[in-house]
N, C-alpha and C. Protein backbone atom coordinates (compact mmCIF):
# COMPACT_ATOMS: atom_id res chain seq x y z
N UNK A 1 4.98 60.36 -68.07
CA UNK A 1 4.40 60.49 -66.73
C UNK A 1 4.81 61.84 -66.14
N UNK A 2 3.87 62.63 -65.63
CA UNK A 2 4.15 63.98 -65.12
C UNK A 2 5.21 64.03 -64.03
N UNK A 3 5.27 63.03 -63.16
CA UNK A 3 6.25 63.07 -62.08
C UNK A 3 7.68 62.89 -62.56
N UNK A 4 7.86 62.60 -63.83
CA UNK A 4 9.19 62.41 -64.38
C UNK A 4 9.72 63.70 -65.01
N UNK A 5 9.03 64.80 -64.84
CA UNK A 5 9.48 66.07 -65.40
C UNK A 5 10.85 66.41 -64.83
N UNK A 6 11.76 66.77 -65.69
CA UNK A 6 13.09 67.20 -65.28
C UNK A 6 13.27 68.65 -65.70
N UNK A 7 14.09 69.33 -64.97
CA UNK A 7 14.29 70.75 -65.23
C UNK A 7 15.76 71.10 -65.08
N UNK A 8 16.20 72.01 -65.92
CA UNK A 8 17.56 72.53 -65.80
C UNK A 8 17.62 73.66 -64.77
N UNK A 9 16.47 74.22 -64.43
CA UNK A 9 16.43 75.42 -63.59
C UNK A 9 15.81 75.21 -62.21
N UNK A 10 15.03 74.17 -62.06
CA UNK A 10 14.30 73.94 -60.80
C UNK A 10 14.55 72.50 -60.35
N UNK A 11 14.73 72.31 -59.06
CA UNK A 11 14.81 70.95 -58.53
C UNK A 11 13.39 70.42 -58.44
N UNK A 12 12.98 69.68 -59.46
CA UNK A 12 11.60 69.18 -59.52
C UNK A 12 11.33 68.12 -58.45
N UNK A 13 12.38 67.50 -57.92
CA UNK A 13 12.17 66.56 -56.82
C UNK A 13 11.53 67.28 -55.63
N UNK A 14 11.95 68.53 -55.40
CA UNK A 14 11.36 69.32 -54.31
C UNK A 14 9.90 69.64 -54.60
N UNK A 15 9.62 69.99 -55.86
CA UNK A 15 8.23 70.28 -56.25
C UNK A 15 7.38 69.04 -56.08
N UNK A 16 7.87 67.89 -56.54
CA UNK A 16 7.12 66.63 -56.42
C UNK A 16 6.90 66.26 -54.95
N UNK A 17 7.94 66.46 -54.16
CA UNK A 17 7.86 66.14 -52.73
C UNK A 17 6.78 66.99 -52.05
N UNK A 18 6.76 68.28 -52.36
CA UNK A 18 5.78 69.17 -51.73
C UNK A 18 4.37 68.93 -52.23
N UNK A 19 4.24 68.57 -53.50
CA UNK A 19 2.90 68.39 -54.08
C UNK A 19 2.32 67.01 -53.80
N UNK A 20 3.15 66.08 -53.35
CA UNK A 20 2.72 64.73 -52.98
C UNK A 20 1.82 64.08 -54.03
N UNK A 21 2.18 64.27 -55.30
CA UNK A 21 1.43 63.64 -56.39
C UNK A 21 0.18 64.38 -56.82
N UNK A 22 -0.17 65.44 -56.15
CA UNK A 22 -1.35 66.24 -56.52
C UNK A 22 -0.95 67.18 -57.65
N UNK A 23 -1.34 66.84 -58.87
CA UNK A 23 -0.92 67.59 -60.04
C UNK A 23 -1.47 69.01 -60.04
N UNK A 24 -2.66 69.20 -59.51
CA UNK A 24 -3.22 70.55 -59.45
C UNK A 24 -2.39 71.42 -58.51
N UNK A 25 -2.01 70.84 -57.36
CA UNK A 25 -1.17 71.58 -56.42
C UNK A 25 0.21 71.85 -57.02
N UNK A 26 0.73 70.89 -57.78
CA UNK A 26 2.02 71.09 -58.42
C UNK A 26 1.95 72.29 -59.37
N UNK A 27 0.88 72.39 -60.14
CA UNK A 27 0.71 73.53 -61.05
C UNK A 27 0.64 74.84 -60.26
N UNK A 28 -0.10 74.83 -59.15
CA UNK A 28 -0.20 76.03 -58.32
C UNK A 28 1.16 76.41 -57.73
N UNK A 29 1.91 75.41 -57.32
CA UNK A 29 3.23 75.64 -56.75
C UNK A 29 4.17 76.25 -57.80
N UNK A 30 4.14 75.69 -58.99
CA UNK A 30 4.96 76.24 -60.07
C UNK A 30 4.53 77.66 -60.41
N UNK A 31 3.23 77.91 -60.37
CA UNK A 31 2.75 79.27 -60.65
C UNK A 31 3.20 80.24 -59.56
N UNK A 32 3.22 79.78 -58.32
CA UNK A 32 3.70 80.62 -57.22
C UNK A 32 5.19 80.94 -57.40
N UNK A 33 5.96 79.96 -57.85
CA UNK A 33 7.38 80.20 -58.13
C UNK A 33 7.49 81.25 -59.24
N UNK A 34 6.70 81.08 -60.29
CA UNK A 34 6.73 82.02 -61.41
C UNK A 34 6.38 83.43 -60.94
N UNK A 35 5.37 83.56 -60.10
CA UNK A 35 4.96 84.88 -59.59
C UNK A 35 6.09 85.52 -58.79
N UNK A 36 6.75 84.73 -57.97
CA UNK A 36 7.87 85.23 -57.17
C UNK A 36 9.00 85.71 -58.08
N UNK A 37 9.28 84.95 -59.12
CA UNK A 37 10.35 85.32 -60.05
C UNK A 37 9.97 86.56 -60.86
N UNK A 38 8.71 86.67 -61.24
CA UNK A 38 8.25 87.86 -61.97
C UNK A 38 8.38 89.11 -61.09
N UNK A 39 8.03 88.99 -59.83
CA UNK A 39 8.17 90.12 -58.91
C UNK A 39 9.65 90.48 -58.74
N UNK A 40 10.49 89.46 -58.62
CA UNK A 40 11.93 89.70 -58.55
C UNK A 40 12.39 90.47 -59.78
N UNK A 41 11.97 90.02 -60.95
CA UNK A 41 12.39 90.68 -62.20
C UNK A 41 12.03 92.16 -62.17
N UNK A 42 10.81 92.47 -61.78
CA UNK A 42 10.36 93.86 -61.77
C UNK A 42 11.17 94.71 -60.79
N UNK A 43 11.34 94.21 -59.59
CA UNK A 43 12.08 94.97 -58.57
C UNK A 43 13.57 95.06 -58.90
N UNK A 44 14.11 93.99 -59.42
CA UNK A 44 15.53 93.96 -59.76
C UNK A 44 15.82 94.92 -60.91
N UNK A 45 14.94 94.94 -61.89
CA UNK A 45 15.10 95.87 -63.01
C UNK A 45 15.12 97.31 -62.50
N UNK A 46 14.22 97.61 -61.60
CA UNK A 46 14.17 98.96 -61.01
C UNK A 46 15.49 99.27 -60.29
N UNK A 47 15.98 98.30 -59.53
CA UNK A 47 17.24 98.48 -58.81
C UNK A 47 18.42 98.67 -59.74
N UNK A 48 18.45 97.92 -60.83
CA UNK A 48 19.54 98.06 -61.81
C UNK A 48 19.48 99.44 -62.46
N UNK A 49 18.29 99.83 -62.89
CA UNK A 49 18.14 101.14 -63.54
C UNK A 49 18.59 102.28 -62.63
N UNK A 50 18.25 102.16 -61.35
CA UNK A 50 18.59 103.22 -60.39
C UNK A 50 19.98 103.02 -59.77
N UNK A 51 20.59 101.88 -60.07
CA UNK A 51 21.86 101.50 -59.44
C UNK A 51 21.73 101.60 -57.92
N UNK A 52 20.61 101.06 -57.43
CA UNK A 52 20.26 101.12 -56.01
C UNK A 52 20.57 99.78 -55.35
N UNK A 53 21.69 99.72 -54.66
CA UNK A 53 22.13 98.47 -54.04
C UNK A 53 21.12 97.97 -53.00
N UNK A 54 20.48 98.88 -52.26
CA UNK A 54 19.50 98.48 -51.26
C UNK A 54 18.28 97.82 -51.90
N UNK A 55 17.79 98.39 -52.98
CA UNK A 55 16.64 97.82 -53.68
C UNK A 55 16.99 96.45 -54.25
N UNK A 56 18.18 96.31 -54.79
CA UNK A 56 18.61 95.01 -55.30
C UNK A 56 18.72 93.98 -54.18
N UNK A 57 19.25 94.40 -53.06
CA UNK A 57 19.36 93.51 -51.90
C UNK A 57 17.96 93.06 -51.45
N UNK A 58 17.03 93.99 -51.36
CA UNK A 58 15.67 93.65 -50.94
C UNK A 58 15.03 92.66 -51.93
N UNK A 59 15.23 92.88 -53.22
CA UNK A 59 14.67 92.00 -54.23
C UNK A 59 15.24 90.59 -54.09
N UNK A 60 16.56 90.48 -53.93
CA UNK A 60 17.21 89.17 -53.76
C UNK A 60 16.75 88.51 -52.48
N UNK A 61 16.67 89.28 -51.41
CA UNK A 61 16.30 88.74 -50.10
C UNK A 61 14.88 88.17 -50.12
N UNK A 62 13.98 88.87 -50.77
CA UNK A 62 12.58 88.43 -50.80
C UNK A 62 12.41 87.10 -51.54
N UNK A 63 13.19 86.88 -52.58
CA UNK A 63 13.05 85.66 -53.38
C UNK A 63 13.96 84.53 -52.88
N UNK A 64 14.83 84.83 -51.94
CA UNK A 64 15.81 83.84 -51.47
C UNK A 64 15.18 82.52 -51.00
N UNK A 65 14.09 82.54 -50.22
CA UNK A 65 13.50 81.25 -49.82
C UNK A 65 13.07 80.40 -51.03
N UNK A 66 12.48 81.03 -52.02
CA UNK A 66 12.06 80.30 -53.22
C UNK A 66 13.26 79.76 -53.96
N UNK A 67 14.29 80.58 -54.12
CA UNK A 67 15.51 80.16 -54.82
C UNK A 67 16.15 78.99 -54.09
N UNK A 68 16.19 79.06 -52.77
CA UNK A 68 16.84 78.04 -51.96
C UNK A 68 16.03 76.74 -51.93
N UNK A 69 14.76 76.83 -51.61
CA UNK A 69 13.92 75.64 -51.47
C UNK A 69 13.85 74.84 -52.77
N UNK A 70 13.65 75.55 -53.87
CA UNK A 70 13.46 74.86 -55.16
C UNK A 70 14.73 74.82 -56.00
N UNK A 71 15.84 75.23 -55.37
CA UNK A 71 17.16 75.16 -56.01
C UNK A 71 17.11 75.72 -57.43
N UNK A 72 16.76 76.99 -57.52
CA UNK A 72 16.72 77.67 -58.81
C UNK A 72 18.16 78.00 -59.19
N UNK A 73 18.84 76.99 -59.66
CA UNK A 73 20.30 76.99 -59.83
C UNK A 73 20.83 78.17 -60.65
N UNK A 74 20.36 78.28 -61.86
CA UNK A 74 20.88 79.30 -62.77
C UNK A 74 20.59 80.70 -62.23
N UNK A 75 19.37 80.91 -61.79
CA UNK A 75 19.00 82.21 -61.24
C UNK A 75 19.84 82.54 -60.01
N UNK A 76 20.05 81.57 -59.16
CA UNK A 76 20.86 81.76 -57.96
C UNK A 76 22.27 82.21 -58.31
N UNK A 77 22.86 81.56 -59.29
CA UNK A 77 24.22 81.90 -59.71
C UNK A 77 24.28 83.32 -60.27
N UNK A 78 23.31 83.68 -61.10
CA UNK A 78 23.29 85.02 -61.70
C UNK A 78 23.11 86.08 -60.61
N UNK A 79 22.23 85.81 -59.65
CA UNK A 79 22.02 86.77 -58.56
C UNK A 79 23.28 86.95 -57.72
N UNK A 80 23.99 85.86 -57.46
CA UNK A 80 25.22 85.95 -56.67
C UNK A 80 26.28 86.76 -57.43
N UNK A 81 26.41 86.50 -58.73
CA UNK A 81 27.36 87.27 -59.53
C UNK A 81 26.98 88.75 -59.54
N UNK A 82 25.69 89.03 -59.65
CA UNK A 82 25.22 90.41 -59.66
C UNK A 82 25.50 91.12 -58.36
N UNK A 83 25.36 90.39 -57.26
CA UNK A 83 25.64 90.99 -55.95
C UNK A 83 27.09 91.48 -55.90
N UNK A 84 28.00 90.68 -56.42
CA UNK A 84 29.42 91.06 -56.42
C UNK A 84 29.67 92.25 -57.35
N UNK A 85 29.04 92.24 -58.51
CA UNK A 85 29.23 93.32 -59.48
C UNK A 85 28.74 94.65 -58.91
N UNK A 86 27.54 94.63 -58.34
CA UNK A 86 26.97 95.86 -57.79
C UNK A 86 27.76 96.31 -56.56
N UNK A 87 28.08 95.38 -55.70
CA UNK A 87 28.80 95.71 -54.47
C UNK A 87 30.14 96.37 -54.77
N UNK A 88 30.80 95.93 -55.83
CA UNK A 88 32.11 96.48 -56.17
C UNK A 88 32.01 97.61 -57.18
N UNK A 89 30.79 98.09 -57.39
CA UNK A 89 30.56 99.25 -58.26
C UNK A 89 31.32 99.13 -59.58
N UNK A 90 31.06 98.01 -60.25
CA UNK A 90 31.73 97.72 -61.51
C UNK A 90 31.31 98.71 -62.60
N UNK A 91 32.04 98.67 -63.68
CA UNK A 91 31.77 99.54 -64.82
C UNK A 91 30.38 99.26 -65.39
N UNK A 92 29.84 100.28 -66.01
CA UNK A 92 28.50 100.19 -66.62
C UNK A 92 28.38 99.00 -67.56
N UNK A 93 29.43 98.74 -68.31
CA UNK A 93 29.44 97.62 -69.27
C UNK A 93 29.21 96.29 -68.55
N UNK A 94 29.85 96.11 -67.41
CA UNK A 94 29.71 94.87 -66.65
C UNK A 94 28.31 94.78 -66.03
N UNK A 95 27.77 95.89 -65.56
CA UNK A 95 26.42 95.92 -65.01
C UNK A 95 25.41 95.58 -66.11
N UNK A 96 25.61 96.15 -67.29
CA UNK A 96 24.70 95.87 -68.41
C UNK A 96 24.75 94.40 -68.82
N UNK A 97 25.94 93.83 -68.84
CA UNK A 97 26.10 92.42 -69.16
C UNK A 97 25.38 91.56 -68.12
N UNK A 98 25.54 91.90 -66.84
CA UNK A 98 24.84 91.17 -65.78
C UNK A 98 23.33 91.30 -65.96
N UNK A 99 22.86 92.48 -66.27
CA UNK A 99 21.43 92.71 -66.46
C UNK A 99 20.90 91.78 -67.56
N UNK A 100 21.63 91.68 -68.65
CA UNK A 100 21.22 90.78 -69.74
C UNK A 100 21.19 89.32 -69.29
N UNK A 101 22.21 88.91 -68.54
CA UNK A 101 22.26 87.54 -68.02
C UNK A 101 21.08 87.28 -67.08
N UNK A 102 20.78 88.25 -66.24
CA UNK A 102 19.67 88.14 -65.32
C UNK A 102 18.36 87.93 -66.08
N UNK A 103 18.11 88.79 -67.07
CA UNK A 103 16.87 88.69 -67.85
C UNK A 103 16.79 87.36 -68.58
N UNK A 104 17.90 86.88 -69.09
CA UNK A 104 17.93 85.59 -69.79
C UNK A 104 17.58 84.46 -68.82
N UNK A 105 18.17 84.47 -67.63
CA UNK A 105 17.91 83.44 -66.63
C UNK A 105 16.44 83.45 -66.22
N UNK A 106 15.89 84.63 -66.01
CA UNK A 106 14.48 84.76 -65.63
C UNK A 106 13.58 84.27 -66.75
N UNK A 107 13.86 84.69 -67.98
CA UNK A 107 13.04 84.28 -69.12
C UNK A 107 13.06 82.77 -69.32
N UNK A 108 14.24 82.16 -69.20
CA UNK A 108 14.35 80.71 -69.34
C UNK A 108 13.55 79.99 -68.27
N UNK A 109 13.67 80.45 -67.05
CA UNK A 109 12.95 79.84 -65.93
C UNK A 109 11.44 79.96 -66.13
N UNK A 110 10.97 81.15 -66.47
CA UNK A 110 9.53 81.36 -66.66
C UNK A 110 9.01 80.56 -67.85
N UNK A 111 9.79 80.49 -68.91
CA UNK A 111 9.38 79.69 -70.07
C UNK A 111 9.25 78.22 -69.69
N UNK A 112 10.21 77.73 -68.94
CA UNK A 112 10.18 76.33 -68.51
C UNK A 112 8.96 76.05 -67.63
N UNK A 113 8.69 76.95 -66.70
CA UNK A 113 7.51 76.78 -65.83
C UNK A 113 6.24 76.78 -66.66
N UNK A 114 6.13 77.70 -67.60
CA UNK A 114 4.93 77.76 -68.46
C UNK A 114 4.76 76.48 -69.26
N UNK A 115 5.86 75.93 -69.78
CA UNK A 115 5.79 74.68 -70.54
C UNK A 115 5.34 73.52 -69.65
N UNK A 116 5.82 73.49 -68.42
CA UNK A 116 5.43 72.41 -67.50
C UNK A 116 3.94 72.53 -67.12
N UNK A 117 3.43 73.73 -67.12
CA UNK A 117 2.04 73.95 -66.69
C UNK A 117 1.04 73.89 -67.84
N UNK A 118 1.49 73.57 -69.03
CA UNK A 118 0.56 73.50 -70.17
C UNK A 118 -0.25 72.24 -70.12
């Protein structure tokens, strides 16, 4: 049954609650989450490459409502860790490691959304 979908990355109870059983709306909602995360990925990558704390802050801030409402747990944790790493101007090695973790979290989330929308 579609309403029994469980996720390691998204609080599907929130998705089900908002979609009120409308499976087409649920797919659209998941696609909107995916679009928000894809935009975050693009802007965040630019911020990491430029080591631009303001750009990273803007990218995190823009996606914060989506992360909070749908409890994007893993992504939220990675973003919080990244904020500390960038804020404290950590070594390149630590920034690169965070960048890899960020990309992994985004890829896992997007893959999961795509699987749910098949």
